[in-house]
Amino acid sequence: MPKHTVCRVSELPPGERKIIEVSKRSIGVFNVHGDYYAIRNLCPHEGAPLCKGIITGTTLPSQPGEYIWAKDGEILRCPWHGWEFDITTGRSIFNPHKMRVKKYTVTVEPVGPALALAEDDERVETFPVTVEDGWVILHA
């Protein structure tokens, strides 16, 4: 499966989205509480640009007069007719078993080449590293 660079981690903070074009398909990439998800920017209802809709939450089943708010920042509401979809699964809120949008896999990867070192080779000096905002930082 081909890879496409979207942006740096710092350019897509929690609660934000970025819409990109990949192979003539518009796809929305979302940062939901630090995890990344991507869905097709096309509402299955009437073809609206789904990923331009409002990011919100939803209510859960509860007792009369009681309202339980959940999934805050995980629900995307279509800008044309208000149909709601779970960003993390692509499934609709009203009919999750039959109505959904195409979901894509998103990963976060470090920037630059990765060097594989033999840890059991005593002649090779190694240092701990961390990944911060897509950059590899050496701690020596």
N, C-alpha and C. Protein backbone atom coordinates (compact mmCIF):
# COMPACT_ATOMS: atom_id res chain seq x y z
N MET A 1 0.85 -1.18 0.00
CA MET A 1 0.00 0.00 0.00
C MET A 1 0.89 1.24 0.00
N PRO A 2 0.71 2.17 -0.91
CA PRO A 2 1.56 3.37 -0.98
C PRO A 2 1.40 4.26 0.25
N LYS A 3 2.45 4.95 0.55
CA LYS A 3 2.44 5.91 1.66
C LYS A 3 2.41 7.32 1.11
N HIS A 4 1.73 8.21 1.83
CA HIS A 4 1.64 9.61 1.44
C HIS A 4 1.89 10.46 2.67
N THR A 5 2.80 11.37 2.57
CA THR A 5 3.09 12.26 3.69
C THR A 5 2.00 13.31 3.77
N VAL A 6 1.44 13.48 4.97
CA VAL A 6 0.36 14.45 5.17
C VAL A 6 0.94 15.76 5.70
N CYS A 7 1.63 15.71 6.83
CA CYS A 7 2.20 16.90 7.45
C CYS A 7 3.03 16.47 8.66
N ARG A 8 3.64 17.43 9.32
CA ARG A 8 4.33 17.16 10.57
C ARG A 8 3.30 17.00 11.67
N VAL A 9 3.65 16.28 12.71
CA VAL A 9 2.76 16.08 13.85
C VAL A 9 2.32 17.43 14.43
N SER A 10 3.23 18.38 14.53
CA SER A 10 2.92 19.69 15.12
C SER A 10 1.94 20.50 14.28
N GLU A 11 1.79 20.16 13.02
CA GLU A 11 0.89 20.89 12.13
C GLU A 11 -0.55 20.39 12.21
N LEU A 12 -0.77 19.31 12.98
CA LEU A 12 -2.11 18.75 13.12
C LEU A 12 -2.39 18.45 14.60
N PRO A 13 -2.66 19.51 15.38
CA PRO A 13 -2.88 19.32 16.82
C PRO A 13 -4.22 18.62 17.10
N PRO A 14 -4.40 18.10 18.32
CA PRO A 14 -5.66 17.45 18.67
C PRO A 14 -6.87 18.33 18.37
N GLY A 15 -7.90 17.72 17.81
CA GLY A 15 -9.12 18.44 17.47
C GLY A 15 -9.12 19.06 16.08
N GLU A 16 -8.01 18.95 15.37
CA GLU A 16 -7.89 19.56 14.04
C GLU A 16 -7.94 18.50 12.95
N ARG A 17 -8.08 18.97 11.72
CA ARG A 17 -8.13 18.09 10.55
C ARG A 17 -7.34 18.72 9.40
N LYS A 18 -6.96 17.89 8.47
CA LYS A 18 -6.30 18.35 7.25
C LYS A 18 -6.90 17.53 6.11
N ILE A 19 -7.34 18.22 5.07
CA ILE A 19 -7.93 17.54 3.92
C ILE A 19 -6.90 17.52 2.80
N ILE A 20 -6.63 16.31 2.28
CA ILE A 20 -5.61 16.15 1.24
C ILE A 20 -6.23 15.43 0.04
N GLU A 21 -5.55 15.52 -1.09
CA GLU A 21 -5.96 14.85 -2.31
C GLU A 21 -4.96 13.73 -2.58
N VAL A 22 -5.45 12.49 -2.71
CA VAL A 22 -4.61 11.34 -2.97
C VAL A 22 -5.24 10.52 -4.08
N SER A 23 -4.54 10.37 -5.19
CA SER A 23 -5.04 9.60 -6.33
C SER A 23 -6.46 10.00 -6.72
N LYS A 24 -6.68 11.29 -6.84
CA LYS A 24 -7.96 11.87 -7.23
C LYS A 24 -9.08 11.63 -6.21
N ARG A 25 -8.70 11.30 -4.97
CA ARG A 25 -9.68 11.15 -3.89
C ARG A 25 -9.38 12.18 -2.81
N SER A 26 -10.41 12.82 -2.32
CA SER A 26 -10.26 13.77 -1.22
C SER A 26 -10.43 12.99 0.09
N ILE A 27 -9.44 13.14 0.99
CA ILE A 27 -9.42 12.39 2.24
C ILE A 27 -9.16 13.36 3.39
N GLY A 28 -9.90 13.21 4.47
CA GLY A 28 -9.70 14.02 5.67
C GLY A 28 -8.90 13.24 6.69
N VAL A 29 -7.84 13.86 7.21
CA VAL A 29 -7.02 13.26 8.25
C VAL A 29 -7.27 14.04 9.53
N PHE A 30 -7.61 13.34 10.61
CA PHE A 30 -8.02 13.95 11.86
C PHE A 30 -7.12 13.54 13.01
N ASN A 31 -6.85 14.48 13.92
CA ASN A 31 -6.17 14.17 15.18
C ASN A 31 -7.25 14.15 16.25
N VAL A 32 -7.59 12.97 16.72
CA VAL A 32 -8.62 12.80 17.75
C VAL A 32 -7.92 12.42 19.04
N HIS A 33 -7.78 13.39 19.94
CA HIS A 33 -7.15 13.17 21.25
C HIS A 33 -5.75 12.55 21.12
N GLY A 34 -5.00 12.95 20.10
CA GLY A 34 -3.63 12.46 19.94
C GLY A 34 -3.50 11.23 19.05
N ASP A 35 -4.61 10.65 18.63
CA ASP A 35 -4.58 9.52 17.70
C ASP A 35 -5.05 10.02 16.34
N TYR A 36 -4.53 9.42 15.27
CA TYR A 36 -4.81 9.91 13.92
C TYR A 36 -5.70 8.94 13.16
N TYR A 37 -6.69 9.52 12.45
CA TYR A 37 -7.64 8.75 11.67
C TYR A 37 -7.85 9.46 10.34
N ALA A 38 -8.24 8.68 9.33
CA ALA A 38 -8.52 9.27 8.02
C ALA A 38 -9.78 8.64 7.44
N ILE A 39 -10.63 9.49 6.86
CA ILE A 39 -11.84 9.02 6.20
C ILE A 39 -12.02 9.76 4.89
N ARG A 40 -12.75 9.15 4.00
CA ARG A 40 -13.04 9.75 2.70
C ARG A 40 -13.87 11.01 2.89
N ASN A 41 -13.54 12.04 2.16
CA ASN A 41 -14.23 13.32 2.25
C ASN A 41 -15.45 13.32 1.33
N LEU A 42 -16.34 12.35 1.53
CA LEU A 42 -17.51 12.21 0.67
C LEU A 42 -18.63 11.57 1.48
N CYS A 43 -19.66 12.32 1.77
CA CYS A 43 -20.80 11.79 2.52
C CYS A 43 -21.55 10.80 1.63
N PRO A 44 -21.85 9.60 2.15
CA PRO A 44 -22.55 8.62 1.34
C PRO A 44 -24.01 8.98 1.09
N HIS A 45 -24.54 9.97 1.78
CA HIS A 45 -25.93 10.37 1.61
C HIS A 45 -26.13 11.06 0.26
N GLU A 46 -25.45 12.21 0.07
CA GLU A 46 -25.60 12.93 -1.20
C GLU A 46 -24.30 13.53 -1.72
N GLY A 47 -23.17 12.99 -1.27
CA GLY A 47 -21.89 13.40 -1.83
C GLY A 47 -21.30 14.70 -1.31
N ALA A 48 -21.74 15.16 -0.15
CA ALA A 48 -21.22 16.40 0.43
C ALA A 48 -19.76 16.24 0.84
N PRO A 49 -19.02 17.35 0.94
CA PRO A 49 -17.64 17.30 1.46
C PRO A 49 -17.69 17.05 2.97
N LEU A 50 -17.85 15.81 3.35
CA LEU A 50 -18.08 15.41 4.74
C LEU A 50 -17.06 15.96 5.72
N CYS A 51 -15.79 15.94 5.36
CA CYS A 51 -14.72 16.32 6.28
C CYS A 51 -14.67 17.81 6.59
N LYS A 52 -15.51 18.62 5.93
CA LYS A 52 -15.60 20.04 6.25
C LYS A 52 -16.66 20.31 7.30
N GLY A 53 -17.32 19.26 7.78
CA GLY A 53 -18.38 19.41 8.77
C GLY A 53 -17.86 19.69 10.17
N ILE A 54 -18.78 19.87 11.09
CA ILE A 54 -18.47 20.18 12.49
C ILE A 54 -18.01 18.91 13.20
N ILE A 55 -16.93 19.03 13.99
CA ILE A 55 -16.46 17.95 14.84
C ILE A 55 -17.13 18.13 16.19
N THR A 56 -17.81 17.10 16.68
CA THR A 56 -18.59 17.22 17.90
C THR A 56 -18.55 15.92 18.69
N GLY A 57 -19.54 15.71 19.52
CA GLY A 57 -19.72 14.47 20.27
C GLY A 57 -21.14 14.01 20.08
N THR A 58 -21.61 13.14 20.95
CA THR A 58 -22.97 12.64 20.84
C THR A 58 -23.51 12.26 22.22
N THR A 59 -24.80 12.07 22.29
CA THR A 59 -25.40 11.61 23.54
C THR A 59 -25.51 10.10 23.52
N LEU A 60 -25.44 9.50 24.71
CA LEU A 60 -25.58 8.06 24.84
C LEU A 60 -26.97 7.72 25.36
N PRO A 61 -27.42 6.49 25.16
CA PRO A 61 -28.72 6.10 25.71
C PRO A 61 -28.74 6.34 27.22
N SER A 62 -29.85 6.86 27.72
CA SER A 62 -29.94 7.19 29.14
C SER A 62 -31.40 7.22 29.57
N GLN A 63 -31.62 7.51 30.83
CA GLN A 63 -32.95 7.60 31.41
C GLN A 63 -33.65 8.87 30.92
N PRO A 64 -34.98 8.91 30.95
CA PRO A 64 -35.70 10.14 30.58
C PRO A 64 -35.22 11.34 31.41
N GLY A 65 -34.95 12.43 30.71
CA GLY A 65 -34.48 13.64 31.38
C GLY A 65 -32.99 13.64 31.68
N GLU A 66 -32.31 12.56 31.39
CA GLU A 66 -30.87 12.46 31.65
C GLU A 66 -30.15 12.48 30.30
N TYR A 67 -29.08 13.27 30.22
CA TYR A 67 -28.31 13.37 28.98
C TYR A 67 -26.86 13.07 29.29
N ILE A 68 -26.34 12.03 28.66
CA ILE A 68 -24.95 11.64 28.86
C ILE A 68 -24.18 11.98 27.58
N TRP A 69 -23.28 12.96 27.67
CA TRP A 69 -22.47 13.39 26.52
C TRP A 69 -21.22 12.53 26.43
N ALA A 70 -20.91 12.03 25.24
CA ALA A 70 -19.75 11.15 25.07
C ALA A 70 -19.13 11.35 23.70
N LYS A 71 -17.99 10.69 23.50
CA LYS A 71 -17.27 10.71 22.23
C LYS A 71 -16.99 12.13 21.74
N ASP A 72 -16.76 13.04 22.68
CA ASP A 72 -16.48 14.43 22.33
C ASP A 72 -15.25 14.50 21.44
N GLY A 73 -15.38 15.18 20.30
CA GLY A 73 -14.28 15.31 19.35
C GLY A 73 -14.12 14.12 18.43
N GLU A 74 -15.04 13.14 18.50
CA GLU A 74 -14.94 11.93 17.69
C GLU A 74 -16.03 11.81 16.63
N ILE A 75 -16.98 12.72 16.65
CA ILE A 75 -18.12 12.64 15.73
C ILE A 75 -18.03 13.78 14.71
N LEU A 76 -18.24 13.44 13.44
CA LEU A 76 -18.20 14.42 12.36
C LEU A 76 -19.61 14.56 11.79
N ARG A 77 -20.11 15.78 11.75
CA ARG A 77 -21.46 16.06 11.25
C ARG A 77 -21.37 16.62 9.83
N CYS A 78 -22.05 15.98 8.89
CA CYS A 78 -22.05 16.42 7.49
C CYS A 78 -22.55 17.86 7.39
N PRO A 79 -21.86 18.70 6.62
CA PRO A 79 -22.26 20.11 6.53
C PRO A 79 -23.55 20.33 5.73
N TRP A 80 -24.00 19.38 4.96
CA TRP A 80 -25.21 19.57 4.16
C TRP A 80 -26.48 19.17 4.91
N HIS A 81 -26.53 17.97 5.45
CA HIS A 81 -27.78 17.47 6.03
C HIS A 81 -27.64 16.97 7.46
N GLY A 82 -26.48 17.12 8.05
CA GLY A 82 -26.30 16.80 9.46
C GLY A 82 -26.11 15.33 9.79
N TRP A 83 -25.93 14.47 8.80
CA TRP A 83 -25.67 13.07 9.10
C TRP A 83 -24.37 12.99 9.89
N GLU A 84 -24.32 12.12 10.91
CA GLU A 84 -23.15 12.05 11.79
C GLU A 84 -22.42 10.73 11.63
N PHE A 85 -21.07 10.83 11.64
CA PHE A 85 -20.21 9.67 11.49
C PHE A 85 -19.14 9.68 12.57
N ASP A 86 -18.78 8.49 13.04
CA ASP A 86 -17.71 8.34 14.01
C ASP A 86 -16.38 8.40 13.24
N ILE A 87 -15.56 9.38 13.55
CA ILE A 87 -14.28 9.56 12.84
C ILE A 87 -13.38 8.35 13.05
N THR A 88 -13.45 7.71 14.21
CA THR A 88 -12.53 6.62 14.53
C THR A 88 -12.88 5.31 13.82
N THR A 89 -14.13 5.17 13.36
CA THR A 89 -14.54 3.92 12.71
C THR A 89 -15.09 4.12 11.30
N GLY A 90 -15.55 5.33 10.99
CA GLY A 90 -16.17 5.61 9.70
C GLY A 90 -17.65 5.24 9.68
N ARG A 91 -18.16 4.70 10.77
CA ARG A 91 -19.56 4.25 10.82
C ARG A 91 -20.50 5.41 11.17
N SER A 92 -21.72 5.35 10.63
CA SER A 92 -22.69 6.38 10.94
C SER A 92 -23.22 6.17 12.35
N ILE A 93 -23.73 7.23 12.94
CA ILE A 93 -24.29 7.15 14.29
C ILE A 93 -25.68 6.53 14.23
N PHE A 94 -26.48 6.87 13.24
CA PHE A 94 -27.86 6.40 13.21
C PHE A 94 -28.01 4.97 12.71
N ASN A 95 -27.09 4.49 11.86
CA ASN A 95 -27.18 3.14 11.32
C ASN A 95 -25.77 2.58 11.11
N PRO A 96 -25.06 2.28 12.19
CA PRO A 96 -23.64 1.91 12.09
C PRO A 96 -23.36 0.60 11.36
N HIS A 97 -24.35 -0.27 11.20
CA HIS A 97 -24.10 -1.55 10.54
C HIS A 97 -24.28 -1.50 9.02
N LYS A 98 -24.93 -0.45 8.53
CA LYS A 98 -25.18 -0.36 7.09
C LYS A 98 -24.62 0.89 6.43
N MET A 99 -24.42 1.94 7.19
CA MET A 99 -23.99 3.22 6.60
C MET A 99 -22.62 3.57 7.16
N ARG A 100 -21.66 3.79 6.26
CA ARG A 100 -20.32 4.17 6.70
C ARG A 100 -19.58 4.87 5.57
N VAL A 101 -18.47 5.51 5.95
CA VAL A 101 -17.59 6.11 4.96
C VAL A 101 -16.29 5.32 4.96
N LYS A 102 -15.57 5.38 3.86
CA LYS A 102 -14.30 4.67 3.73
C LYS A 102 -13.30 5.19 4.76
N LYS A 103 -12.66 4.29 5.48
CA LYS A 103 -11.66 4.62 6.49
C LYS A 103 -10.29 4.19 5.98
N TYR A 104 -9.26 4.98 6.31
CA TYR A 104 -7.89 4.68 5.89
C TYR A 104 -7.00 4.58 7.11
N THR A 105 -5.91 3.84 6.99
CA THR A 105 -4.95 3.68 8.08
C THR A 105 -4.00 4.87 8.10
N VAL A 106 -3.71 5.37 9.31
CA VAL A 106 -2.77 6.48 9.49
C VAL A 106 -1.73 6.05 10.50
N THR A 107 -0.46 6.34 10.23
CA THR A 107 0.62 6.07 11.18
C THR A 107 1.45 7.33 11.37
N VAL A 108 2.17 7.39 12.46
CA VAL A 108 3.12 8.47 12.70
C VAL A 108 4.50 7.84 12.63
N GLU A 109 5.34 8.41 11.78
CA GLU A 109 6.68 7.86 11.58
C GLU A 109 7.72 8.95 11.75
N PRO A 110 8.90 8.58 12.22
CA PRO A 110 9.96 9.57 12.38
C PRO A 110 10.45 10.07 11.04
N VAL A 111 10.99 11.26 11.03
CA VAL A 111 11.54 11.85 9.82
C VAL A 111 12.99 11.41 9.69
N GLY A 112 13.40 11.07 8.48
CA GLY A 112 14.79 10.72 8.23
C GLY A 112 15.00 9.22 8.21
N PRO A 113 16.19 8.80 7.78
CA PRO A 113 16.47 7.37 7.67
C PRO A 113 16.63 6.73 9.04
N ALA A 114 16.16 5.52 9.17
CA ALA A 114 16.33 4.76 10.42
C ALA A 114 17.57 3.90 10.27
N LEU A 115 18.40 3.89 11.27
CA LEU A 115 19.62 3.10 11.24
C LEU A 115 19.46 1.90 12.17
N ALA A 116 19.64 0.72 11.64
CA ALA A 116 19.55 -0.49 12.45
C ALA A 116 20.95 -0.85 12.93
N LEU A 117 21.12 -0.96 14.23
CA LEU A 117 22.41 -1.32 14.82
C LEU A 117 22.29 -2.65 15.55
N ALA A 118 23.33 -3.43 15.48
CA ALA A 118 23.33 -4.71 16.18
C ALA A 118 23.60 -4.45 17.66
N GLU A 119 22.58 -4.67 18.51
CA GLU A 119 22.71 -4.36 19.92
C GLU A 119 23.69 -5.29 20.63
N ASP A 120 23.86 -6.51 20.12
CA ASP A 120 24.75 -7.45 20.79
C ASP A 120 26.21 -7.28 20.38
N ASP A 121 26.49 -6.40 19.46
CA ASP A 121 27.87 -6.16 19.04
C ASP A 121 28.49 -5.11 19.96
N GLU A 122 29.42 -5.51 20.81
CA GLU A 122 30.02 -4.61 21.79
C GLU A 122 30.87 -3.53 21.14
N ARG A 123 31.25 -3.70 19.89
CA ARG A 123 32.06 -2.69 19.21
C ARG A 123 31.23 -1.51 18.75
N VAL A 124 29.93 -1.67 18.74
CA VAL A 124 29.06 -0.60 18.28
C VAL A 124 28.58 0.19 19.49
N GLU A 125 28.88 1.49 19.49
CA GLU A 125 28.43 2.36 20.58
C GLU A 125 27.03 2.88 20.24
N THR A 126 26.08 2.71 21.17
CA THR A 126 24.71 3.15 20.93
C THR A 126 24.32 4.22 21.95
N PHE A 127 23.33 5.02 21.60
CA PHE A 127 22.82 6.07 22.46
C PHE A 127 21.29 6.01 22.44
N PRO A 128 20.64 6.38 23.53
CA PRO A 128 19.18 6.42 23.51
C PRO A 128 18.68 7.55 22.60
N VAL A 129 17.58 7.29 21.91
CA VAL A 129 17.00 8.32 21.04
C VAL A 129 15.50 8.42 21.33
N THR A 130 14.94 9.57 21.03
CA THR A 130 13.50 9.76 21.11
C THR A 130 13.04 10.44 19.84
N VAL A 131 11.76 10.35 19.57
CA VAL A 131 11.18 11.02 18.41
C VAL A 131 10.29 12.14 18.93
N GLU A 132 10.58 13.37 18.52
CA GLU A 132 9.80 14.52 18.92
C GLU A 132 9.43 15.30 17.67
N ASP A 133 8.13 15.40 17.41
CA ASP A 133 7.61 16.14 16.27
C ASP A 133 8.24 15.69 14.96
N GLY A 134 8.42 14.40 14.80
CA GLY A 134 8.91 13.90 13.54
C GLY A 134 10.41 14.03 13.36
N TRP A 135 11.13 14.48 14.36
CA TRP A 135 12.58 14.58 14.28
C TRP A 135 13.21 13.58 15.23
N VAL A 136 14.31 13.03 14.84
CA VAL A 136 15.03 12.11 15.74
C VAL A 136 16.03 12.92 16.53
N ILE A 137 15.94 12.81 17.87
CA ILE A 137 16.80 13.59 18.78
C ILE A 137 17.78 12.64 19.45
N LEU A 138 19.07 12.95 19.37
CA LEU A 138 20.12 12.15 20.00
C LEU A 138 20.37 12.65 21.41
N HIS A 139 20.41 11.75 22.40
CA HIS A 139 20.70 12.09 23.79
C HIS A 139 22.06 11.50 24.14
N ALA A 140 23.10 12.29 23.98
CA ALA A 140 24.45 11.76 24.23
C ALA A 140 25.13 12.50 25.34
